Amino acid sequence: MSNEPATYMTIREAAAYLRVHPEHLKKLCRQARGPRRIVIGRSVRFARADLDAWMAQHAQGAAA
């Protein structure tokens, strides 16, 4: 286990990391189809590990 702190990203940063448009990421979140997020007041943050896990869940064509 790493001693490195979790990296949290804004919507724009997370969208850039995932290489999608920020509005698309917002839409996925509104539809409860996006990656896990943390909401504090009006601020939304995404942990890098959650983004990676969400991408892995959506991988297609990989052998299990």
Protein backbone atom coordinates (compact mmCIF):
# COMPACT_ATOMS: atom_id res chain seq x y z
CA MET A 1 0.00 0.00 0.00
CA SER A 2 1.32 3.42 -0.94
CA ASN A 3 1.85 6.24 1.55
CA GLU A 4 1.08 8.70 -1.24
CA PRO A 5 -2.05 10.82 -0.60
CA ALA A 6 -5.05 10.32 -2.88
CA THR A 7 -5.19 12.66 -5.84
CA TYR A 8 -8.50 14.46 -6.24
CA MET A 9 -9.54 16.18 -9.45
CA THR A 10 -12.16 18.70 -10.49
CA ILE A 11 -14.66 17.91 -13.24
CA ARG A 12 -12.40 19.55 -15.84
CA GLU A 13 -9.30 17.73 -14.63
CA ALA A 14 -11.12 14.38 -14.46
CA ALA A 15 -12.58 14.88 -17.95
CA ALA A 16 -9.12 15.67 -19.32
CA TYR A 17 -7.72 12.59 -17.56
CA LEU A 18 -10.47 10.43 -19.11
CA ARG A 19 -10.18 12.30 -22.44
CA VAL A 20 -13.86 13.20 -22.58
CA HIS A 21 -15.60 16.58 -22.68
CA PRO A 22 -16.48 17.96 -19.22
CA GLU A 23 -20.16 18.20 -20.21
CA HIS A 24 -20.16 14.51 -21.11
CA LEU A 25 -18.75 13.63 -17.69
CA LYS A 26 -21.39 15.83 -16.02
CA LYS A 27 -24.12 14.08 -18.01
CA LEU A 28 -22.82 10.64 -16.99
CA CYS A 29 -22.85 11.72 -13.35
CA ARG A 30 -26.41 13.10 -13.58
CA GLN A 31 -27.49 9.74 -15.02
CA ALA A 32 -25.64 7.85 -12.24
CA ARG A 33 -23.49 6.16 -14.92
CA GLY A 34 -20.25 8.00 -14.23
CA PRO A 35 -17.36 7.31 -11.90
CA ARG A 36 -17.74 7.59 -8.14
CA ARG A 37 -17.43 11.18 -6.99
CA ILE A 38 -17.13 13.18 -3.81
CA VAL A 39 -19.50 16.10 -3.32
CA ILE A 40 -18.75 18.77 -0.73
CA GLY A 41 -21.30 21.53 -0.94
CA ARG A 42 -21.25 22.53 -4.60
CA SER A 43 -17.76 21.17 -5.22
CA VAL A 44 -17.35 17.84 -6.98
CA ARG A 45 -14.08 15.90 -6.88
CA PHE A 46 -12.96 12.59 -8.31
CA ALA A 47 -10.23 10.36 -6.86
CA ARG A 48 -7.79 9.13 -9.50
CA ALA A 49 -8.22 5.55 -8.24
CA ASP A 50 -12.00 5.79 -8.77
CA LEU A 51 -11.51 7.06 -12.32
CA ASP A 52 -9.12 4.20 -13.07
CA ALA A 53 -11.54 1.64 -11.58
CA TRP A 54 -14.46 3.04 -13.59
CA MET A 55 -12.44 2.86 -16.80
CA ALA A 56 -11.43 -0.74 -16.05
CA GLN A 57 -15.10 -1.68 -15.52
CA HIS A 58 -15.90 -0.35 -18.98
CA ALA A 59 -13.07 -2.09 -20.81
CA GLN A 60 -14.35 -4.13 -23.74
CA GLY A 61 -12.80 -7.09 -25.47
CA ALA A 62 -10.55 -8.01 -22.55
CA ALA A 63 -10.36 -11.64 -21.50
CA ALA A 64 -11.53 -12.22 -17.94
